[in-house]
Amino acid sequence: MLIPMVSAAYASGEGDGAAGSNVRPRNVLCVDGSVINFDETAMGKGWKITATPIDPEGAAIQTETDSDGEFSFDNLTVGLWEFAITLGDGWDSITPDKFTVMMDYGHDKCAVIRFKIKRPVPVTVLKIDDNHVPLADWVIKASPAYGNWFASPITATTDVNGEAQFLLTEGKWEFTEKAPKDTYVPVMPSSGKQELDVEWNDGQPIMIRFKNRLTFQGCIEAYKLDVPPPPAGGGDPGASWGLPGWKITVKRTNGSVVTSGYTDSMGYVKFKNLPLGPYIVEEEARIGWSPVTPTSFTVNLVGGTCEPVTFYNEQSPPGFCIEGRKIDHNGNIGIPGWKITATPIYKGGYPNETTDGATKIEVFTDGQGKFRIDLPGNDYRIPGAAYKVCEEEKTGWLPHTALCQTVYVPYKAGACAKAWDFVNQQVGHWESITIGPASGSSSCETSYTVQAGDSLCGIGAAYGVSCGAMFAANPWVYNNPNHYVYAGQSVCIP
């Protein structure tokens, strides 16, 4: 080990030896020293200091500190000297407990040296639960309290016996705890922290204790897997692979979100530290994938194990579609079995024109009044195309909205274009003729076919109807670029 060497000239400074009777001549060979504690207070009387000549070798000499913790060596010889302090039981050095000083001529002051020491106090922190079972892997932090300026925070982790060991300098310290996992309720102290005035205890450890009541938590493991297509020649399609980057959301039973995450490269994501109770686990919907299993599951966490949830999806090439709904003004309930047609507005659009003109696509509403018009995803005429979507007229029903509306297909496959609700009222139903908030429209007095150069507000002005009322009666116009109406479209005059 290298021993630091201090030159007498460095420690003492230089002088001319003639400035007063108390100044030593320039050929003095001496050392003045002191011993201080970690907090820079003098250590007092009785500390043994040994000075040993090294080069050239000679006999060691010894002295003790006075009541101010100071010592001195006079009449030393030229050469390299080693100075060492004898530490008592429990004491440790902050600066080296021995070092060398080169003594040489040419100085009118003694070389100055200092030993700085400390006496660390062993402190044991015991961590237990409310049943007095030791708790391992808890992080305990000891921080110097106000006034303990000569110390820094220290952390230690409890072992299998629930103990964390510290060696601290004397003074006030504050202890805090941090759980490794699971939530907890402090029992003693209730604040989760405590202060201790650390004092020397004849080398015996001081023990303090933290006591907690653990509240056990659960976890959910979600798996997202694909369903491979069957081989061309038939047979086993093979194992499913995980789908990475798929968002999984954990919700409370009231629908509020608890947490969410994304699956890893294996299609796996884990949600930890969840309070026990029921949850809903949902997967996101993605264009080009169809669910094979339910898109959400209910999970009840009771503790002890992780609850697994597995979602399966199969790949489905995205296409184009138009969706909408046919509703009864009486309660805004869907009307089933209502024919809806879609006709391409521009010549040459899909489907191909026949000798009878453009072929219409016909569908019928389901039990909830919903309809969906599917369009192929491999025809260049479909992306961005405009379609005239119309409802049929039926005896005994009065339309509250325009019979036809223009719907623009998105440019990107997979997302359906949304048509405004078609609303009808049965003859004889004499409720208010205004449409409720579900449709945002009013009853039609008549319909008007848009001519070139017409605007919706201009048409309304010709019939004495405000611009706002025209938009309210024809909400489908919001689907049109810039909210324009185009020649051939039918608008409702409320």
Protein backbone atom coordinates (compact mmCIF):
# COMPACT_ATOMS: atom_id res chain seq x y z
CA MET A 1 0.00 0.00 0.00
CA LEU A 2 1.29 3.43 -0.87
CA ILE A 3 1.77 5.71 2.15
CA PRO A 4 1.20 9.43 1.48
CA MET A 5 4.22 11.65 2.05
CA VAL A 6 3.97 15.24 3.27
CA SER A 7 6.89 17.67 2.92
CA ALA A 8 7.67 19.87 5.91
CA ALA A 9 7.89 22.85 3.55
CA TYR A 10 4.37 22.17 2.21
CA ALA A 11 2.84 21.88 5.68
CA SER A 12 4.68 24.70 7.43
CA GLY A 13 5.39 27.47 4.88
CA GLU A 14 8.55 29.55 4.65
CA GLY A 15 10.00 32.40 6.76
CA ASP A 16 13.20 34.42 7.16
CA GLY A 17 13.87 33.43 10.79
CA ALA A 18 14.44 37.04 11.97
CA ALA A 19 10.99 38.44 12.64
CA GLY A 20 10.82 38.48 16.46
CA SER A 21 12.08 36.42 19.40
CA ASN A 22 9.33 33.74 19.10
CA VAL A 23 10.33 32.67 15.56
CA ARG A 24 12.44 29.54 15.38
CA PRO A 25 15.62 29.56 13.28
CA ARG A 26 15.38 28.24 9.75
CA ASN A 27 16.98 24.91 10.65
CA VAL A 28 14.20 23.63 13.00
CA LEU A 29 13.05 20.02 12.54
CA CYS A 30 9.70 19.56 14.33
CA VAL A 31 6.06 18.54 13.85
CA ASP A 32 2.86 20.03 15.34
CA GLY A 33 -0.23 17.87 15.07
CA SER A 34 -3.83 17.36 16.20
CA VAL A 35 -6.52 14.65 16.34
CA ILE A 36 -10.14 15.56 15.50
CA ASN A 37 -13.44 13.71 15.35
CA PHE A 38 -15.57 13.19 12.20
CA ASP A 39 -17.50 16.37 13.02
CA GLU A 40 -14.19 18.31 13.24
CA THR A 41 -14.18 18.70 17.04
CA ALA A 42 -10.98 18.11 19.02
CA MET A 43 -10.65 14.57 20.41
CA GLY A 44 -8.96 15.56 23.71
CA LYS A 45 -6.26 13.96 25.81
CA GLY A 46 -4.62 10.54 25.65
CA TRP A 47 -4.33 9.64 21.97
CA LYS A 48 -0.96 7.95 21.30
CA ILE A 49 1.01 9.17 18.30
CA THR A 50 4.17 7.37 17.17
CA ALA A 51 6.93 8.90 15.01
CA THR A 52 9.37 6.48 13.35
CA PRO A 53 12.38 7.49 11.21
CA ILE A 54 12.38 5.45 7.99
CA ASP A 55 15.24 6.80 5.91
CA PRO A 56 17.66 6.69 7.59
CA GLU A 57 16.27 4.15 10.02
CA GLY A 58 16.19 4.97 13.72
CA ALA A 59 14.36 4.49 16.99
CA ALA A 60 10.65 5.33 17.21
CA ILE A 61 9.43 8.01 19.61
CA GLN A 62 5.93 8.36 21.05
CA THR A 63 3.79 11.12 22.52
CA GLU A 64 0.13 11.71 23.53
CA THR A 65 -2.39 14.41 22.73
CA ASP A 66 -3.17 17.08 25.32
CA SER A 67 -6.64 18.17 26.45
CA ASP A 68 -7.08 20.06 23.17
CA GLY A 69 -6.25 16.98 21.12
CA GLU A 70 -2.88 18.44 20.07
CA PHE A 71 0.64 16.95 20.07
CA SER A 72 4.15 17.85 18.89
CA PHE A 73 7.54 16.31 18.12
CA ASP A 74 10.71 18.41 18.49
CA ASN A 75 14.34 17.89 17.61
CA LEU A 76 13.75 15.41 14.81
CA THR A 77 16.46 14.39 12.37
CA VAL A 78 16.63 15.04 8.66
CA GLY A 79 15.00 12.33 6.60
CA LEU A 80 11.69 10.52 5.99
CA TRP A 81 9.48 9.96 9.06
CA GLU A 82 6.33 7.89 9.51
CA PHE A 83 3.62 9.18 11.85
CA ALA A 84 0.88 6.81 13.10
CA ILE A 85 -2.05 7.01 15.52
CA THR A 86 -3.08 4.17 17.82
CA LEU A 87 -6.86 3.75 17.52
CA GLY A 88 -8.89 2.47 20.42
CA ASP A 89 -11.63 -0.17 20.25
CA GLY A 90 -14.49 0.84 17.98
CA TRP A 91 -12.59 3.69 16.36
CA ASP A 92 -11.85 3.93 12.66
CA SER A 93 -9.85 6.36 10.57
CA ILE A 94 -11.23 8.87 8.11
CA THR A 95 -7.84 10.12 7.00
CA PRO A 96 -5.06 7.46 6.84
CA ASP A 97 -4.02 6.23 10.28
CA LYS A 98 -0.36 6.52 9.22
CA PHE A 99 1.56 8.53 6.65
CA THR A 100 5.08 9.89 6.01
CA VAL A 101 6.60 13.36 6.23
CA MET A 102 9.98 14.44 4.79
CA MET A 103 11.93 16.47 7.34
CA ASP A 104 14.55 18.83 5.91
CA TYR A 105 16.25 22.15 6.69
CA GLY A 106 15.20 25.59 5.58
CA HIS A 107 11.94 26.08 7.55
CA ASP A 108 11.20 28.38 10.45
CA LYS A 109 7.93 26.66 11.41
CA CYS A 110 7.04 23.10 12.34
CA ALA A 111 5.38 20.82 9.85
CA VAL A 112 1.64 20.57 10.59
CA ILE A 113 -0.19 17.22 10.42
CA ARG A 114 -3.64 16.01 11.49
CA PHE A 115 -5.49 12.74 12.08
CA LYS A 116 -9.26 12.60 11.55
CA ILE A 117 -11.13 9.65 13.06
CA LYS A 118 -14.64 8.38 13.71
CA ARG A 119 -16.39 5.84 15.90
CA PRO A 120 -19.17 4.15 13.86
CA VAL A 121 -22.11 2.87 15.87
CA PRO A 122 -23.76 -0.38 14.72
CA VAL A 123 -27.53 0.06 14.22
CA THR A 124 -29.86 -2.81 13.30
CA VAL A 125 -33.27 -2.12 11.79
CA LEU A 126 -35.75 -5.00 12.19
CA LYS A 127 -38.61 -5.27 9.70
CA ILE A 128 -41.66 -7.41 10.65
CA ASP A 129 -45.33 -7.72 9.73
CA ASP A 130 -48.18 -7.45 12.22
CA ASN A 131 -47.77 -11.17 12.97
CA HIS A 132 -44.09 -10.54 13.85
CA VAL A 133 -42.88 -12.47 10.79
CA PRO A 134 -39.55 -11.08 9.49
CA LEU A 135 -39.81 -9.36 6.09
CA ALA A 136 -36.91 -9.64 3.65
CA ASP A 137 -36.00 -7.35 0.72
CA TRP A 138 -37.31 -4.12 2.25
CA VAL A 139 -35.10 -1.11 1.57
CA ILE A 140 -34.31 0.92 4.69
CA LYS A 141 -32.82 4.38 4.31
CA ALA A 142 -30.92 6.20 7.05
CA SER A 143 -30.69 9.96 6.45
CA PRO A 144 -28.90 12.48 8.70
CA ALA A 145 -31.44 14.63 10.52
CA TYR A 146 -31.24 18.41 10.84
CA GLY A 147 -28.00 19.37 12.58
CA ASN A 148 -26.14 16.20 11.60
CA TRP A 149 -24.14 17.96 8.91
CA PHE A 150 -21.16 15.61 8.62
CA ALA A 151 -23.01 12.56 7.27
CA SER A 152 -24.67 11.31 4.09
CA PRO A 153 -27.75 9.08 3.50
CA ILE A 154 -27.16 5.33 3.54
CA THR A 155 -29.45 2.51 2.36
CA ALA A 156 -29.53 -1.16 3.32
CA THR A 157 -31.85 -4.06 2.45
CA THR A 158 -33.35 -6.41 5.02
CA ASP A 159 -32.12 -10.01 4.93
CA VAL A 160 -34.05 -13.26 5.49
CA ASN A 161 -34.20 -12.39 9.19
CA GLY A 162 -35.79 -9.05 8.39
CA GLU A 163 -32.68 -7.15 9.50
CA ALA A 164 -30.82 -4.28 7.82
CA GLN A 165 -27.38 -3.43 9.21
CA PHE A 166 -25.89 0.08 9.42
CA LEU A 167 -22.64 1.60 10.73
CA LEU A 168 -23.46 5.23 11.52
CA THR A 169 -21.60 8.14 13.01
CA GLU A 170 -22.98 9.63 16.20
CA GLY A 171 -25.79 12.13 15.82
CA LYS A 172 -29.48 12.24 14.90
CA TRP A 173 -30.65 10.04 12.02
CA GLU A 174 -34.04 9.56 10.34
CA PHE A 175 -35.03 6.08 9.14
CA THR A 176 -37.56 5.41 6.40
CA GLU A 177 -38.72 2.22 4.68
CA LYS A 178 -39.67 1.21 1.16
CA ALA A 179 -41.65 -1.91 0.28
CA PRO A 180 -40.16 -4.25 -2.35
CA LYS A 181 -43.60 -5.10 -3.74
CA ASP A 182 -47.25 -5.08 -2.70
CA THR A 183 -48.83 -2.19 -0.85
CA TYR A 184 -48.71 -1.99 2.92
CA VAL A 185 -50.20 -0.12 5.84
CA PRO A 186 -47.74 1.17 8.48
CA VAL A 187 -48.52 -0.12 11.97
CA MET A 188 -45.52 1.20 13.93
CA PRO A 189 -44.56 3.94 13.39
CA SER A 190 -47.74 5.04 11.61
CA SER A 191 -45.84 7.70 9.65
CA GLY A 192 -43.48 5.12 8.11
CA LYS A 193 -40.42 6.94 9.49
CA GLN A 194 -38.68 7.37 12.82
CA GLU A 195 -35.77 9.37 14.28
CA LEU A 196 -32.94 8.02 16.42
CA ASP A 197 -30.19 9.85 18.31
CA VAL A 198 -27.23 7.54 17.65
CA GLU A 199 -24.74 7.40 20.54
CA TRP A 200 -21.85 5.08 21.38
CA ASN A 201 -23.14 1.95 23.13
CA ASP A 202 -19.88 0.19 24.08
CA GLY A 203 -19.80 -1.43 20.66
CA GLN A 204 -23.21 -3.06 21.09
CA PRO A 205 -25.71 -2.55 18.23
CA ILE A 206 -28.73 -0.32 18.73
CA MET A 207 -31.92 -1.95 17.40
CA ILE A 208 -35.05 -0.24 16.10
CA ARG A 209 -38.11 -1.80 14.47
CA PHE A 210 -40.61 -1.15 11.70
CA LYS A 211 -43.92 -3.03 11.80
CA ASN A 212 -46.32 -3.21 8.85
CA ARG A 213 -49.53 -4.85 7.82
CA LEU A 214 -49.33 -6.11 4.24
CA THR A 215 -52.30 -5.90 1.92
CA PHE A 216 -51.86 -8.69 -0.59
CA GLN A 217 -52.35 -7.86 -4.25
CA GLY A 218 -52.90 -9.81 -7.41
CA CYS A 219 -51.78 -9.75 -11.01
CA ILE A 220 -53.10 -10.48 -14.50
CA GLU A 221 -51.13 -12.15 -17.28
CA ALA A 222 -52.50 -11.41 -20.74
CA TYR A 223 -51.55 -13.37 -23.86
CA LYS A 224 -52.28 -12.20 -27.41
CA LEU A 225 -52.03 -14.96 -30.05
CA ASP A 226 -52.85 -15.32 -33.72
CA VAL A 227 -54.73 -18.18 -35.36
CA PRO A 228 -52.68 -19.38 -38.34
CA PRO A 229 -54.58 -20.13 -41.56
CA PRO A 230 -54.90 -23.79 -42.54
CA PRO A 231 -52.39 -25.12 -45.09
CA ALA A 232 -53.46 -25.06 -48.73
CA GLY A 233 -53.69 -28.84 -48.78
CA GLY A 234 -55.50 -29.04 -45.44
CA GLY A 235 -54.25 -30.41 -42.15
CA ASP A 236 -53.05 -28.92 -38.89
CA PRO A 237 -52.45 -25.14 -39.20
CA GLY A 238 -49.70 -25.34 -36.57
CA ALA A 239 -49.04 -23.51 -33.33
CA SER A 240 -50.18 -19.97 -32.63
CA TRP A 241 -47.60 -17.21 -32.35
CA GLY A 242 -47.66 -14.23 -30.06
CA LEU A 243 -48.68 -10.87 -31.47
CA PRO A 244 -46.38 -8.08 -30.21
CA GLY A 245 -47.32 -4.45 -29.61
CA TRP A 246 -51.00 -5.20 -28.98
CA LYS A 247 -52.64 -2.90 -26.44
CA ILE A 248 -54.36 -4.58 -23.50
CA THR A 249 -56.43 -2.52 -21.05
CA VAL A 250 -57.49 -3.39 -17.51
CA LYS A 251 -60.68 -1.68 -16.34
CA ARG A 252 -62.78 -1.61 -13.21
CA THR A 253 -66.29 -2.97 -13.44
CA ASN A 254 -67.61 0.62 -13.73
CA GLY A 255 -65.60 1.04 -16.96
CA SER A 256 -62.85 3.29 -15.60
CA VAL A 257 -59.31 2.41 -16.68
CA VAL A 258 -56.92 0.98 -14.08
CA THR A 259 -53.89 0.45 -16.30
CA SER A 260 -52.87 -0.60 -19.81
CA GLY A 261 -49.84 -2.03 -21.53
CA TYR A 262 -48.53 -3.51 -24.76
CA THR A 263 -47.61 -7.13 -25.44
CA ASP A 264 -43.95 -8.01 -25.85
CA SER A 265 -42.36 -10.01 -28.68
CA MET A 266 -43.99 -13.16 -27.29
CA GLY A 267 -47.45 -11.59 -27.18
CA TYR A 268 -47.31 -11.33 -23.37
CA VAL A 269 -47.94 -8.52 -20.90
CA LYS A 270 -48.23 -8.66 -17.12
CA PHE A 271 -50.11 -6.28 -14.84
CA LYS A 272 -48.80 -6.41 -11.26
CA ASN A 273 -49.76 -4.96 -7.89
CA LEU A 274 -53.49 -4.85 -8.54
CA PRO A 275 -55.81 -4.62 -5.51
CA LEU A 276 -57.96 -7.72 -5.18
CA GLY A 277 -61.39 -7.74 -6.76
CA PRO A 278 -63.14 -7.97 -10.16
CA TYR A 279 -61.70 -6.46 -13.37
CA ILE A 280 -62.47 -6.35 -17.08
CA VAL A 281 -59.56 -7.08 -19.41
CA GLU A 282 -59.97 -5.80 -22.98
CA GLU A 283 -57.95 -6.05 -26.17
CA GLU A 284 -57.81 -3.33 -28.78
CA ALA A 285 -59.51 -3.73 -32.18
CA ARG A 286 -57.27 -3.58 -35.23
CA ILE A 287 -57.92 -3.27 -38.91
CA GLY A 288 -57.01 -6.47 -40.69
CA TRP A 289 -57.63 -8.72 -37.68
CA SER A 290 -60.84 -10.42 -36.58
CA PRO A 291 -61.36 -11.72 -33.03
CA VAL A 292 -61.78 -15.47 -32.58
CA THR A 293 -62.30 -15.24 -28.82
CA PRO A 294 -64.25 -12.56 -26.90
CA THR A 295 -62.59 -9.16 -26.97
CA SER A 296 -62.97 -8.77 -23.19
CA PHE A 297 -62.95 -11.04 -20.16
CA THR A 298 -63.99 -10.61 -16.54
CA VAL A 299 -61.29 -11.57 -14.03
CA ASN A 300 -61.70 -11.75 -10.25
CA LEU A 301 -58.42 -11.43 -8.34
CA VAL A 302 -58.40 -13.25 -5.02
CA GLY A 303 -54.63 -13.25 -4.41
CA GLY A 304 -51.96 -15.90 -4.41
CA THR A 305 -51.62 -16.44 -8.17
CA CYS A 306 -51.73 -14.50 -11.41
CA GLU A 307 -54.92 -14.84 -13.43
CA PRO A 308 -54.26 -15.65 -17.13
CA VAL A 309 -56.28 -14.20 -20.01
CA THR A 310 -55.75 -15.26 -23.64
CA PHE A 311 -57.00 -13.43 -26.72
CA TYR A 312 -56.97 -15.06 -30.18
CA ASN A 313 -57.27 -13.19 -33.48
CA GLU A 314 -57.08 -14.25 -37.10
CA GLN A 315 -55.88 -12.16 -39.96
CA SER A 316 -58.58 -10.76 -42.27
CA PRO A 317 -57.57 -8.56 -45.19
CA PRO A 318 -59.10 -5.09 -44.76
CA GLY A 319 -61.75 -3.89 -47.18
CA PHE A 320 -64.09 -0.93 -47.61
CA CYS A 321 -67.58 -0.53 -46.24
CA ILE A 322 -70.41 1.88 -45.46
CA GLU A 323 -72.28 1.60 -42.17
CA GLY A 324 -75.43 3.24 -40.92
CA ARG A 325 -78.70 2.75 -39.12
CA LYS A 326 -82.43 2.99 -39.73
CA ILE A 327 -84.37 4.15 -36.67
CA ASP A 328 -87.91 4.84 -35.55
CA HIS A 329 -88.46 8.38 -34.32
CA ASN A 330 -90.52 6.87 -31.54
CA GLY A 331 -87.76 6.11 -29.03
CA ASN A 332 -84.96 6.06 -31.65
CA ILE A 333 -85.23 2.27 -31.84
CA GLY A 334 -83.79 0.44 -34.84
CA ILE A 335 -86.16 -0.77 -37.57
CA PRO A 336 -85.23 -4.19 -39.02
CA GLY A 337 -85.77 -5.39 -42.60
CA TRP A 338 -85.53 -1.96 -44.25
CA LYS A 339 -83.90 -1.95 -47.67
CA ILE A 340 -80.92 0.34 -48.17
CA THR A 341 -79.27 0.89 -51.56
CA ALA A 342 -75.92 2.35 -52.59
CA THR A 343 -75.26 3.68 -56.08
CA PRO A 344 -71.95 5.11 -57.35
CA ILE A 345 -72.39 8.79 -58.10
CA TYR A 346 -69.70 9.04 -60.74
CA LYS A 347 -69.87 7.23 -64.07
CA GLY A 348 -67.78 4.11 -64.28
CA GLY A 349 -67.79 3.52 -60.54
CA TYR A 350 -68.17 0.19 -58.80
CA PRO A 351 -70.32 -1.81 -59.49
CA ASN A 352 -70.08 -1.76 -63.29
CA GLU A 353 -72.75 -0.03 -65.27
CA THR A 354 -75.23 -2.20 -67.15
CA THR A 355 -77.63 -1.44 -69.99
CA ASP A 356 -80.09 -0.35 -67.32
CA GLY A 357 -77.63 2.11 -65.75
CA ALA A 358 -75.51 1.81 -62.63
CA THR A 359 -76.13 -1.32 -60.61
CA LYS A 360 -77.29 -0.67 -57.09
CA ILE A 361 -75.97 -2.51 -54.08
CA GLU A 362 -78.85 -3.62 -51.86
CA VAL A 363 -78.75 -4.62 -48.20
CA PHE A 364 -81.33 -4.87 -45.41
CA THR A 365 -81.16 -3.61 -41.83
CA ASP A 366 -80.70 -6.14 -39.04
CA GLY A 367 -82.66 -6.48 -35.81
CA GLN A 368 -81.12 -3.28 -34.43
CA GLY A 369 -81.73 -1.31 -37.59
CA LYS A 370 -78.04 -1.48 -38.54
CA PHE A 371 -76.81 -1.95 -42.08
CA ARG A 372 -73.41 -2.50 -43.62
CA ILE A 373 -72.51 -2.28 -47.29
CA ASP A 374 -69.27 -4.16 -47.99
CA LEU A 375 -67.12 -3.10 -50.92
CA PRO A 376 -64.12 -5.00 -52.32
CA GLY A 377 -60.65 -4.03 -51.21
CA ASN A 378 -58.97 -4.82 -54.54
CA ASP A 379 -60.74 -2.41 -56.90
CA TYR A 380 -59.05 0.92 -57.65
CA ARG A 381 -62.46 2.60 -58.07
CA ILE A 382 -63.41 2.12 -54.43
CA PRO A 383 -60.96 4.30 -52.37
CA GLY A 384 -62.40 7.81 -51.99
CA ALA A 385 -65.47 7.00 -54.12
CA ALA A 386 -68.79 8.78 -53.55
CA TYR A 387 -72.00 6.77 -53.17
CA LYS A 388 -75.61 7.80 -53.06
CA VAL A 389 -77.04 5.86 -50.14
CA CYS A 390 -80.83 5.75 -50.06
CA GLU A 391 -83.56 4.20 -47.95
CA GLU A 392 -86.68 2.73 -49.43
CA GLU A 393 -90.07 4.40 -48.99
CA LYS A 394 -92.68 2.34 -47.21
CA THR A 395 -96.42 2.86 -46.95
CA GLY A 396 -97.38 3.91 -43.43
CA TRP A 397 -94.05 5.57 -42.64
CA LEU A 398 -93.14 9.23 -42.94
CA PRO A 399 -89.47 10.19 -43.47
CA HIS A 400 -87.92 12.65 -40.99
CA THR A 401 -84.62 12.82 -42.86
CA ALA A 402 -83.68 12.97 -46.53
CA LEU A 403 -84.32 9.72 -48.38
CA CYS A 404 -80.80 9.82 -49.81
CA GLN A 405 -77.41 11.04 -48.69
CA THR A 406 -73.96 11.11 -50.21
CA VAL A 407 -71.27 9.09 -48.42
CA TYR A 408 -67.57 9.18 -49.28
CA VAL A 409 -65.56 6.00 -48.88
CA PRO A 410 -62.24 6.45 -47.02
CA TYR A 411 -59.02 6.26 -49.01
CA LYS A 412 -57.56 3.73 -46.57
CA ALA A 413 -58.99 0.23 -46.40
CA GLY A 414 -60.39 -1.10 -43.15
CA ALA A 415 -62.36 1.88 -41.81
CA CYS A 416 -66.07 2.06 -42.63
CA ALA A 417 -67.66 5.26 -43.88
CA LYS A 418 -70.45 6.37 -41.53
CA ALA A 419 -73.86 7.32 -42.91
CA TRP A 420 -76.21 9.53 -40.94
CA ASP A 421 -79.21 7.82 -39.39
CA PHE A 422 -82.28 7.42 -41.55
CA VAL A 423 -85.25 8.36 -39.35
CA ASN A 424 -88.92 7.57 -39.97
CA GLN A 425 -92.14 8.07 -38.04
CA GLN A 426 -95.08 5.72 -38.34
CA VAL A 427 -98.30 7.28 -39.65
CA GLY A 428 -100.63 7.98 -36.75
CA HIS A 429 -97.86 8.53 -34.25
CA TRP A 430 -98.52 12.09 -33.18
CA GLU A 431 -95.53 12.83 -30.97
CA SER A 432 -93.56 16.03 -31.53
CA ILE A 433 -92.50 16.23 -35.15
CA THR A 434 -89.00 17.32 -34.16
CA ILE A 435 -86.28 14.75 -34.13
CA GLY A 436 -84.53 14.04 -30.84
CA PRO A 437 -80.85 14.49 -30.17
CA ALA A 438 -80.04 11.10 -31.71
CA SER A 439 -80.60 12.42 -35.23
CA GLY A 440 -80.34 16.19 -34.82
CA SER A 441 -82.86 16.83 -37.61
CA SER A 442 -86.43 18.13 -37.99
CA SER A 443 -89.40 16.91 -40.03
CA CYS A 444 -89.29 17.37 -43.80
CA GLU A 445 -92.03 19.42 -45.45
CA THR A 446 -90.63 18.56 -48.87
CA SER A 447 -87.49 17.41 -50.64
CA TYR A 448 -85.43 19.33 -53.17
CA THR A 449 -83.01 18.03 -55.79
CA VAL A 450 -79.83 20.07 -55.83
CA GLN A 451 -79.01 21.89 -59.07
CA ALA A 452 -75.60 23.07 -60.25
CA GLY A 453 -74.51 26.16 -58.30
CA ASP A 454 -76.90 25.57 -55.39
CA SER A 455 -75.79 25.83 -51.74
CA LEU A 456 -77.61 24.41 -48.76
CA CYS A 457 -78.13 27.79 -47.13
CA GLY A 458 -79.22 29.31 -50.48
CA ILE A 459 -81.82 26.57 -50.94
CA GLY A 460 -83.10 27.26 -47.42
CA ALA A 461 -83.34 31.00 -48.12
CA ALA A 462 -85.50 30.30 -51.18
CA TYR A 463 -87.95 28.40 -48.94
CA GLY A 464 -87.75 30.85 -46.04
CA VAL A 465 -85.73 28.42 -43.84
CA SER A 466 -82.66 29.48 -41.86
CA CYS A 467 -79.20 28.13 -42.65
CA GLY A 468 -78.98 26.46 -39.23
CA ALA A 469 -82.30 24.71 -39.72
CA MET A 470 -81.14 23.39 -43.10
CA PHE A 471 -78.01 21.87 -41.59
CA ALA A 472 -80.08 20.43 -38.74
CA ALA A 473 -82.44 18.81 -41.23
CA ASN A 474 -79.60 17.52 -43.40
CA PRO A 475 -76.78 16.45 -41.05
CA TRP A 476 -75.33 14.17 -43.72
CA VAL A 477 -73.99 17.32 -45.44
CA TYR A 478 -71.25 17.40 -42.77
CA ASN A 479 -69.87 14.29 -44.53
CA ASN A 480 -69.39 16.24 -47.77
CA PRO A 481 -66.11 18.07 -48.46
CA ASN A 482 -66.37 21.65 -47.19
CA HIS A 483 -70.02 20.90 -46.32
CA TYR A 484 -71.02 21.52 -49.93
CA VAL A 485 -74.07 20.00 -51.64
CA TYR A 486 -73.75 18.64 -55.15
CA ALA A 487 -76.01 18.45 -58.19
CA GLY A 488 -78.32 15.47 -58.01
CA GLN A 489 -78.37 15.21 -54.23
CA SER A 490 -81.73 15.37 -52.43
CA VAL A 491 -82.04 17.70 -49.46
CA CYS A 492 -84.75 17.96 -46.83
CA ILE A 493 -86.69 21.24 -46.53
CA PRO A 494 -87.98 21.36 -42.91
